[in-house]
């Protein structure tokens, strides 16, 4: 069982930055691949970024490449999402999620993940 708690959301002007954190309980955090998703009102939950259990591999939605950076600190059981040059279209509830590495499994589908946090609101004003 893994419990995930996100923090770091808030209100920011377009062009600003936020860093989201996701703290995980349990001693097996380093065994899990991690992902960040977001969900805007009236829209489906979408993949934003993912990172392998070791931190060696990272993956991004095309629209956030060059602006967002995912990272993890396994010693602190925490995954981060640094978001720069934020745009109003980034406004959403952001969720972190954990999944066990499975073969050639991908990172982009919510159904691939085993555990989810409660989410943190990010609002970008124009």
Foldseek 3Di string as FASTA:
>chain_A
DKAKAKDWADEEAQQAKIKMKIAIDDLCLLQWKKFKWWDDPPGDIWTAKIAGSPRPDIDGDPVQPPFWDWGDDSVRRMIMIIGGRDDQVVWTWMKMFIAGDDDPDDDIDPVRTDDIYPTDTHGYHD
